[in-house]
Each structure stands twice: as C-alpha cells, then as structure tokens.
Amino acid sequence: MGSSLKFCLIASGDADVYLRDVSTMEWDNAAAHAILLEAGGQFYTLDNQVLRYNKESLRNPSILTIADQQDFWFEKVKELD
C-alpha cells in the first residue's frame, strides 16, 4: 500500500499514527495532506514542526502522520520537560 493510502487510513480513523522515515517529494504528500487536515490530522517532521511546502528543496524530510492533534505525543513530552 502506498503512503497516500496510509495517510487516508489516518484521515478515516482506521489508523492513528504513521511514520514515514524515508523522504518524499512535496507532490507525493500534498493531496493526502489536504484530506488529512480536513479530518483533523496533521503531518509533522521529526523535530515537531508542521510539514511546510514551497521550500527551497521539494524533498520532504521524514514525517509523522497523526489522526488527532489533541493527542499528539510531542505535546505530552513537552509537558514532562
């Protein structure tokens, strides 16, 4: 199954988290990202930044896809610091 379908599983609520630890290109993620955002999810880089587009390089870093931003574990980790 391709990454875009996995992103859609997150958006539909059939999965909670997907780690894509291999870089992708912006066009590989853009459509699924729009669907995911509408469903309340988000793409984050591994340094806790929201994935951005129109960068100098069109290559994306590794990303963590989550279904519910309210339960995002990076926020939980920050609370422990």
PDB file of N, CA and C in Angstrom:
ATOM      1  N   MET A   1       0.843  -1.170   0.000  1.00  0.00           N
ATOM      2  CA  MET A   1       0.000   0.000   0.000  1.00  0.00           C
ATOM      3  C   MET A   1       0.891   1.236   0.000  1.00  0.00           C
ATOM      4  N   GLY A   2       0.585   2.182  -0.828  1.00  0.00           N
ATOM      5  CA  GLY A   2       1.363   3.405  -0.917  1.00  0.00           C
ATOM      6  C   GLY A   2       1.104   4.345   0.248  1.00  0.00           C
ATOM      7  N   SER A   3       1.993   5.297   0.417  1.00  0.00           N
ATOM      8  CA  SER A   3       1.890   6.240   1.538  1.00  0.00           C
ATOM      9  C   SER A   3       0.594   7.033   1.507  1.00  0.00           C
ATOM     10  N   SER A   4       0.164   7.476   0.335  1.00  0.00           N
ATOM     11  CA  SER A   4      -1.064   8.278   0.281  1.00  0.00           C
ATOM     12  C   SER A   4      -2.257   7.506   0.818  1.00  0.00           C
ATOM     13  N   LEU A   5      -2.327   6.227   0.525  1.00  0.00           N
ATOM     14  CA  LEU A   5      -3.417   5.415   1.071  1.00  0.00           C
ATOM     15  C   LEU A   5      -3.285   5.264   2.585  1.00  0.00           C
ATOM     16  N   LYS A   6      -2.064   5.166   3.065  1.00  0.00           N
ATOM     17  CA  LYS A   6      -1.856   5.095   4.515  1.00  0.00           C
ATOM     18  C   LYS A   6      -2.267   6.407   5.175  1.00  0.00           C
ATOM     19  N   PHE A   7      -1.971   7.534   4.528  1.00  0.00           N
ATOM     20  CA  PHE A   7      -2.397   8.826   5.052  1.00  0.00           C
ATOM     21  C   PHE A   7      -3.921   8.886   5.114  1.00  0.00           C
ATOM     22  N   CYS A   8      -4.578   8.313   4.120  1.00  0.00           N
ATOM     23  CA  CYS A   8      -6.044   8.307   4.098  1.00  0.00           C
ATOM     24  C   CYS A   8      -6.612   7.389   5.178  1.00  0.00           C
ATOM     25  N   LEU A   9      -5.904   6.321   5.526  1.00  0.00           N
ATOM     26  CA  LEU A   9      -6.333   5.486   6.652  1.00  0.00           C
ATOM     27  C   LEU A   9      -6.329   6.290   7.944  1.00  0.00           C
ATOM     28  N   ILE A  10      -5.344   7.155   8.078  1.00  0.00           N
ATOM     29  CA  ILE A  10      -5.287   8.039   9.241  1.00  0.00           C
ATOM     30  C   ILE A  10      -6.489   8.984   9.206  1.00  0.00           C
ATOM     31  N   ALA A  11      -6.738   9.595   8.051  1.00  0.00           N
ATOM     32  CA  ALA A  11      -7.843  10.552   7.918  1.00  0.00           C
ATOM     33  C   ALA A  11      -9.192   9.903   8.202  1.00  0.00           C
ATOM     34  N   SER A  12      -9.359   8.660   7.813  1.00  0.00           N
ATOM     35  CA  SER A  12     -10.645   7.981   8.008  1.00  0.00           C
ATOM     36  C   SER A  12     -10.832   7.452   9.422  1.00  0.00           C
ATOM     37  N   GLY A  13      -9.775   7.459  10.216  1.00  0.00           N
ATOM     38  CA  GLY A  13      -9.860   6.960  11.576  1.00  0.00           C
ATOM     39  C   GLY A  13      -9.564   5.479  11.708  1.00  0.00           C
ATOM     40  N   ASP A  14      -9.131   4.842  10.619  1.00  0.00           N
ATOM     41  CA  ASP A  14      -8.797   3.419  10.661  1.00  0.00           C
ATOM     42  C   ASP A  14      -7.389   3.163  11.183  1.00  0.00           C
ATOM     43  N   ALA A  15      -6.606   4.223  11.349  1.00  0.00           N
ATOM     44  CA  ALA A  15      -5.267   4.140  11.940  1.00  0.00           C
ATOM     45  C   ALA A  15      -5.032   5.447  12.685  1.00  0.00           C
ATOM     46  N   ASP A  16      -4.117   5.430  13.635  1.00  0.00           N
ATOM     47  CA  ASP A  16      -3.857   6.622  14.452  1.00  0.00           C
ATOM     48  C   ASP A  16      -2.559   7.330  14.107  1.00  0.00           C
ATOM     49  N   VAL A  17      -1.534   6.575  13.740  1.00  0.00           N
ATOM     50  CA  VAL A  17      -0.204   7.134  13.516  1.00  0.00           C
ATOM     51  C   VAL A  17       0.463   6.397  12.370  1.00  0.00           C
ATOM     52  N   TYR A  18       1.214   7.141  11.561  1.00  0.00           N
ATOM     53  CA  TYR A  18       2.028   6.532  10.507  1.00  0.00           C
ATOM     54  C   TYR A  18       3.342   7.288  10.432  1.00  0.00           C
ATOM     55  N   LEU A  19       4.437   6.593  10.594  1.00  0.00           N
ATOM     56  CA  LEU A  19       5.767   7.182  10.472  1.00  0.00           C
ATOM     57  C   LEU A  19       6.302   6.868   9.085  1.00  0.00           C
ATOM     58  N   ARG A  20       6.628   7.900   8.343  1.00  0.00           N
ATOM     59  CA  ARG A  20       7.263   7.734   7.036  1.00  0.00           C
ATOM     60  C   ARG A  20       8.697   8.197   7.228  1.00  0.00           C
ATOM     61  N   ASP A  21       9.621   7.230   7.406  1.00  0.00           N
ATOM     62  CA  ASP A  21      11.001   7.597   7.737  1.00  0.00           C
ATOM     63  C   ASP A  21      11.912   7.673   6.523  1.00  0.00           C
ATOM     64  N   VAL A  22      11.325   7.624   5.356  1.00  0.00           N
ATOM     65  CA  VAL A  22      12.059   7.810   4.101  1.00  0.00           C
ATOM     66  C   VAL A  22      11.529   9.098   3.477  1.00  0.00           C
ATOM     67  N   SER A  23      12.400   9.924   2.965  1.00  0.00           N
ATOM     68  CA  SER A  23      11.948  11.204   2.417  1.00  0.00           C
ATOM     69  C   SER A  23      11.032  10.997   1.216  1.00  0.00           C
ATOM     70  N   THR A  24      10.165  11.977   1.012  1.00  0.00           N
ATOM     71  CA  THR A  24       9.251  12.002  -0.122  1.00  0.00           C
ATOM     72  C   THR A  24       9.399  13.357  -0.801  1.00  0.00           C
ATOM     73  N   MET A  25       8.750  13.501  -1.911  1.00  0.00           N
ATOM     74  CA  MET A  25       8.709  14.792  -2.584  1.00  0.00           C
ATOM     75  C   MET A  25       7.383  15.471  -2.229  1.00  0.00           C
ATOM     76  N   GLU A  26       7.335  16.791  -2.308  1.00  0.00           N
ATOM     77  CA  GLU A  26       6.134  17.530  -1.927  1.00  0.00           C
ATOM     78  C   GLU A  26       4.891  17.004  -2.646  1.00  0.00           C
ATOM     79  N   TRP A  27       4.995  16.712  -3.926  1.00  0.00           N
ATOM     80  CA  TRP A  27       3.834  16.270  -4.694  1.00  0.00           C
ATOM     81  C   TRP A  27       3.347  14.880  -4.277  1.00  0.00           C
ATOM     82  N   ASP A  28       4.186  14.131  -3.575  1.00  0.00           N
ATOM     83  CA  ASP A  28       3.771  12.815  -3.087  1.00  0.00           C
ATOM     84  C   ASP A  28       2.776  12.920  -1.934  1.00  0.00           C
ATOM     85  N   ASN A  29       2.815  14.020  -1.208  1.00  0.00           N
ATOM     86  CA  ASN A  29       2.033  14.166   0.015  1.00  0.00           C
ATOM     87  C   ASN A  29       0.907  15.181  -0.064  1.00  0.00           C
ATOM     88  N   ALA A  30       0.973  16.120  -0.986  1.00  0.00           N
ATOM     89  CA  ALA A  30       0.096  17.296  -0.944  1.00  0.00           C
ATOM     90  C   ALA A  30      -1.394  16.959  -0.921  1.00  0.00           C
ATOM     91  N   ALA A  31      -1.869  16.103  -1.802  1.00  0.00           N
ATOM     92  CA  ALA A  31      -3.302  15.804  -1.851  1.00  0.00           C
ATOM     93  C   ALA A  31      -3.761  15.093  -0.585  1.00  0.00           C
ATOM     94  N   ALA A  32      -3.013  14.100  -0.153  1.00  0.00           N
ATOM     95  CA  ALA A  32      -3.378  13.377   1.069  1.00  0.00           C
ATOM     96  C   ALA A  32      -3.289  14.292   2.286  1.00  0.00           C
ATOM     97  N   HIS A  33      -2.373  15.239   2.265  1.00  0.00           N
ATOM     98  CA  HIS A  33      -2.244  16.186   3.380  1.00  0.00           C
ATOM     99  C   HIS A  33      -3.512  17.031   3.491  1.00  0.00           C
ATOM    100  N   ALA A  34      -4.037  17.475   2.362  1.00  0.00           N
ATOM    101  CA  ALA A  34      -5.269  18.268   2.378  1.00  0.00           C
ATOM    102  C   ALA A  34      -6.426  17.465   2.976  1.00  0.00           C
ATOM    103  N   ILE A  35      -6.537  16.203   2.600  1.00  0.00           N
ATOM    104  CA  ILE A  35      -7.586  15.331   3.137  1.00  0.00           C
ATOM    105  C   ILE A  35      -7.384  15.143   4.636  1.00  0.00           C
ATOM    106  N   LEU A  36      -6.155  14.902   5.024  1.00  0.00           N
ATOM    107  CA  LEU A  36      -5.833  14.678   6.433  1.00  0.00           C
ATOM    108  C   LEU A  36      -6.156  15.913   7.282  1.00  0.00           C
ATOM    109  N   LEU A  37      -5.819  17.093   6.789  1.00  0.00           N
ATOM    110  CA  LEU A  37      -6.112  18.326   7.522  1.00  0.00           C
ATOM    111  C   LEU A  37      -7.610  18.486   7.744  1.00  0.00           C
ATOM    112  N   GLU A  38      -8.391  18.219   6.726  1.00  0.00           N
ATOM    113  CA  GLU A  38      -9.847  18.339   6.850  1.00  0.00           C
ATOM    114  C   GLU A  38     -10.413  17.358   7.867  1.00  0.00           C
ATOM    115  N   ALA A  39      -9.735  16.240   8.053  1.00  0.00           N
ATOM    116  CA  ALA A  39     -10.178  15.230   9.014  1.00  0.00           C
ATOM    117  C   ALA A  39      -9.654  15.508  10.425  1.00  0.00           C
ATOM    118  N   GLY A  40      -8.846  16.568  10.584  1.00  0.00           N
ATOM    119  CA  GLY A  40      -8.331  16.929  11.898  1.00  0.00           C
ATOM    120  C   GLY A  40      -6.935  16.418  12.192  1.00  0.00           C
ATOM    121  N   GLY A  41      -6.301  15.780  11.222  1.00  0.00           N
ATOM    122  CA  GLY A  41      -4.950  15.258  11.408  1.00  0.00           C
ATOM    123  C   GLY A  41      -3.889  16.242  10.960  1.00  0.00           C
ATOM    124  N   GLN A  42      -2.640  15.785  10.987  1.00  0.00           N
ATOM    125  CA  GLN A  42      -1.528  16.655  10.591  1.00  0.00           C
ATOM    126  C   GLN A  42      -0.294  15.831  10.290  1.00  0.00           C
ATOM    127  N   PHE A  43       0.578  16.399   9.462  1.00  0.00           N
ATOM    128  CA  PHE A  43       1.914  15.855   9.204  1.00  0.00           C
ATOM    129  C   PHE A  43       2.894  16.685  10.017  1.00  0.00           C
ATOM    130  N   TYR A  44       3.790  16.007  10.727  1.00  0.00           N
ATOM    131  CA  TYR A  44       4.852  16.680  11.464  1.00  0.00           C
ATOM    132  C   TYR A  44       6.193  16.110  11.044  1.00  0.00           C
ATOM    133  N   THR A  45       7.200  16.967  11.034  1.00  0.00           N
ATOM    134  CA  THR A  45       8.561  16.478  10.857  1.00  0.00           C
ATOM    135  C   THR A  45       8.992  15.879  12.187  1.00  0.00           C
ATOM    136  N   LEU A  46      10.078  15.166  12.194  1.00  0.00           N
ATOM    137  CA  LEU A  46      10.510  14.504  13.424  1.00  0.00           C
ATOM    138  C   LEU A  46      11.071  15.473  14.464  1.00  0.00           C
ATOM    139  N   ASP A  47      11.227  16.739  14.080  1.00  0.00           N
ATOM    140  CA  ASP A  47      11.633  17.752  15.060  1.00  0.00           C
ATOM    141  C   ASP A  47      10.435  18.614  15.493  1.00  0.00           C
ATOM    142  N   ASN A  48       9.225  18.027  15.387  1.00  0.00           N
ATOM    143  CA  ASN A  48       7.993  18.627  15.897  1.00  0.00           C
ATOM    144  C   ASN A  48       7.558  19.886  15.148  1.00  0.00           C
ATOM    145  N   GLN A  49       7.848  19.962  13.875  1.00  0.00           N
ATOM    146  CA  GLN A  49       7.408  21.087  13.054  1.00  0.00           C
ATOM    147  C   GLN A  49       6.336  20.596  12.083  1.00  0.00           C
ATOM    148  N   VAL A  50       5.333  21.427  11.827  1.00  0.00           N
ATOM    149  CA  VAL A  50       4.333  21.089  10.824  1.00  0.00           C
ATOM    150  C   VAL A  50       5.029  21.063   9.467  1.00  0.00           C
ATOM    151  N   LEU A  51       4.708  20.065   8.658  1.00  0.00           N
ATOM    152  CA  LEU A  51       5.312  19.959   7.333  1.00  0.00           C
ATOM    153  C   LEU A  51       4.928  21.172   6.501  1.00  0.00           C
ATOM    154  N   ARG A  52       5.909  21.813   5.910  1.00  0.00           N
ATOM    155  CA  ARG A  52       5.700  23.005   5.078  1.00  0.00           C
ATOM    156  C   ARG A  52       5.983  22.668   3.618  1.00  0.00           C
ATOM    157  N   TYR A  53       5.372  23.454   2.738  1.00  0.00           N
ATOM    158  CA  TYR A  53       5.545  23.281   1.295  1.00  0.00           C
ATOM    159  C   TYR A  53       6.210  24.517   0.702  1.00  0.00           C
ATOM    160  N   ASN A  54       6.583  24.426  -0.572  1.00  0.00           N
ATOM    161  CA  ASN A  54       7.249  25.510  -1.301  1.00  0.00           C
ATOM    162  C   ASN A  54       8.585  25.875  -0.678  1.00  0.00           C
ATOM    163  N   LYS A  55       9.276  24.838  -0.223  1.00  0.00           N
ATOM    164  CA  LYS A  55      10.614  25.033   0.342  1.00  0.00           C
ATOM    165  C   LYS A  55      11.622  25.159  -0.806  1.00  0.00           C
ATOM    166  N   GLU A  56      12.833  25.533  -0.476  1.00  0.00           N
ATOM    167  CA  GLU A  56      13.881  25.614  -1.487  1.00  0.00           C
ATOM    168  C   GLU A  56      14.077  24.257  -2.156  1.00  0.00           C
ATOM    169  N   SER A  57      14.085  23.209  -1.348  1.00  0.00           N
ATOM    170  CA  SER A  57      14.144  21.846  -1.861  1.00  0.00           C
ATOM    171  C   SER A  57      12.744  21.257  -1.794  1.00  0.00           C
ATOM    172  N   LEU A  58      12.313  20.586  -2.830  1.00  0.00           N
ATOM    173  CA  LEU A  58      10.986  19.983  -2.844  1.00  0.00           C
ATOM    174  C   LEU A  58      10.942  18.648  -2.107  1.00  0.00           C
ATOM    175  N   ARG A  59      12.099  18.201  -1.619  1.00  0.00           N
ATOM    176  CA  ARG A  59      12.167  16.937  -0.872  1.00  0.00           C
ATOM    177  C   ARG A  59      11.713  17.176   0.569  1.00  0.00           C
ATOM    178  N   ASN A  60      10.818  16.323   1.025  1.00  0.00           N
ATOM    179  CA  ASN A  60      10.347  16.386   2.409  1.00  0.00           C
ATOM    180  C   ASN A  60      11.220  15.511   3.293  1.00  0.00           C
ATOM    181  N   PRO A  61      11.360  15.892   4.545  1.00  0.00           N
ATOM    182  CA  PRO A  61      12.071  15.039   5.498  1.00  0.00           C
ATOM    183  C   PRO A  61      11.154  13.885   5.934  1.00  0.00           C
ATOM    184  N   SER A  62      11.629  13.063   6.820  1.00  0.00           N
ATOM    185  CA  SER A  62      10.778  12.041   7.425  1.00  0.00           C
ATOM    186  C   SER A  62       9.616  12.737   8.108  1.00  0.00           C
ATOM    187  N   ILE A  63       8.441  12.095   8.080  1.00  0.00           N
ATOM    188  CA  ILE A  63       7.267  12.711   8.683  1.00  0.00           C
ATOM    189  C   ILE A  63       6.510  11.717   9.555  1.00  0.00           C
ATOM    190  N   LEU A  64       5.842  12.280  10.533  1.00  0.00           N
ATOM    191  CA  LEU A  64       4.953  11.526  11.405  1.00  0.00           C
ATOM    192  C   LEU A  64       3.549  12.040  11.127  1.00  0.00           C
ATOM    193  N   THR A  65       2.669  11.140  10.746  1.00  0.00           N
ATOM    194  CA  THR A  65       1.294  11.488  10.432  1.00  0.00           C
ATOM    195  C   THR A  65       0.421  11.073  11.608  1.00  0.00           C
ATOM    196  N   ILE A  66      -0.403  11.986  12.089  1.00  0.00           N
ATOM    197  CA  ILE A  66      -1.253  11.677  13.238  1.00  0.00           C
ATOM    198  C   ILE A  66      -2.704  11.989  12.907  1.00  0.00           C
ATOM    199  N   ALA A  67      -3.607  11.265  13.580  1.00  0.00           N
ATOM    200  CA  ALA A  67      -5.029  11.434  13.336  1.00  0.00           C
ATOM    201  C   ALA A  67      -5.617  12.579  14.143  1.00  0.00           C
ATOM    202  N   ASP A  68      -5.259  12.681  15.399  1.00  0.00           N
ATOM    203  CA  ASP A  68      -5.869  13.651  16.300  1.00  0.00           C
ATOM    204  C   ASP A  68      -4.787  14.517  16.914  1.00  0.00           C
ATOM    205  N   GLN A  69      -4.752  15.780  16.523  1.00  0.00           N
ATOM    206  CA  GLN A  69      -3.711  16.674  17.018  1.00  0.00           C
ATOM    207  C   GLN A  69      -3.800  16.894  18.523  1.00  0.00           C
ATOM    208  N   GLN A  70      -4.967  16.693  19.115  1.00  0.00           N
ATOM    209  CA  GLN A  70      -5.126  16.881  20.553  1.00  0.00           C
ATOM    210  C   GLN A  70      -4.353  15.838  21.348  1.00  0.00           C
ATOM    211  N   ASP A  71      -4.159  14.672  20.774  1.00  0.00           N
ATOM    212  CA  ASP A  71      -3.463  13.596  21.468  1.00  0.00           C
ATOM    213  C   ASP A  71      -2.009  13.461  21.046  1.00  0.00           C
ATOM    214  N   PHE A  72      -1.487  14.433  20.362  1.00  0.00           N
ATOM    215  CA  PHE A  72      -0.156  14.320  19.788  1.00  0.00           C
ATOM    216  C   PHE A  72       0.898  14.187  20.879  1.00  0.00           C
ATOM    217  N   TRP A  73       1.701  13.150  20.792  1.00  0.00           N
ATOM    218  CA  TRP A  73       2.650  12.833  21.866  1.00  0.00           C
ATOM    219  C   TRP A  73       3.766  13.839  22.025  1.00  0.00           C
ATOM    220  N   PHE A  74       4.113  14.614  20.993  1.00  0.00           N
ATOM    221  CA  PHE A  74       5.139  15.641  21.181  1.00  0.00           C
ATOM    222  C   PHE A  74       4.697  16.629  22.270  1.00  0.00           C
ATOM    223  N   GLU A  75       3.414  16.962  22.295  1.00  0.00           N
ATOM    224  CA  GLU A  75       2.915  17.879  23.321  1.00  0.00           C
ATOM    225  C   GLU A  75       3.031  17.251  24.704  1.00  0.00           C
ATOM    226  N   LYS A  76       2.780  15.967  24.795  1.00  0.00           N
ATOM    227  CA  LYS A  76       2.903  15.273  26.077  1.00  0.00           C
ATOM    228  C   LYS A  76       4.344  15.289  26.557  1.00  0.00           C
ATOM    229  N   VAL A  77       5.264  15.112  25.658  1.00  0.00           N
ATOM    230  CA  VAL A  77       6.687  15.118  26.017  1.00  0.00           C
ATOM    231  C   VAL A  77       7.096  16.506  26.498  1.00  0.00           C
ATOM    232  N   LYS A  78       6.608  17.553  25.847  1.00  0.00           N
ATOM    233  CA  LYS A  78       6.937  18.916  26.273  1.00  0.00           C
ATOM    234  C   LYS A  78       6.477  19.169  27.708  1.00  0.00           C
ATOM    235  N   GLU A  79       5.313  18.616  28.061  1.00  0.00           N
ATOM    236  CA  GLU A  79       4.794  18.815  29.403  1.00  0.00           C
ATOM    237  C   GLU A  79       5.701  18.196  30.469  1.00  0.00           C
ATOM    238  N   LEU A  80       6.436  17.159  30.093  1.00  0.00           N
ATOM    239  CA  LEU A  80       7.323  16.487  31.036  1.00  0.00           C
ATOM    240  C   LEU A  80       8.620  17.246  31.281  1.00  0.00           C
ATOM    241  N   ASP A  81       8.982  18.126  30.363  1.00  0.00           N
ATOM    242  CA  ASP A  81      10.241  18.878  30.490  1.00  0.00           C
ATOM    243  C   ASP A  81      10.191  19.897  31.600  1.00  0.00           C
TER     244      ASP A  81
END
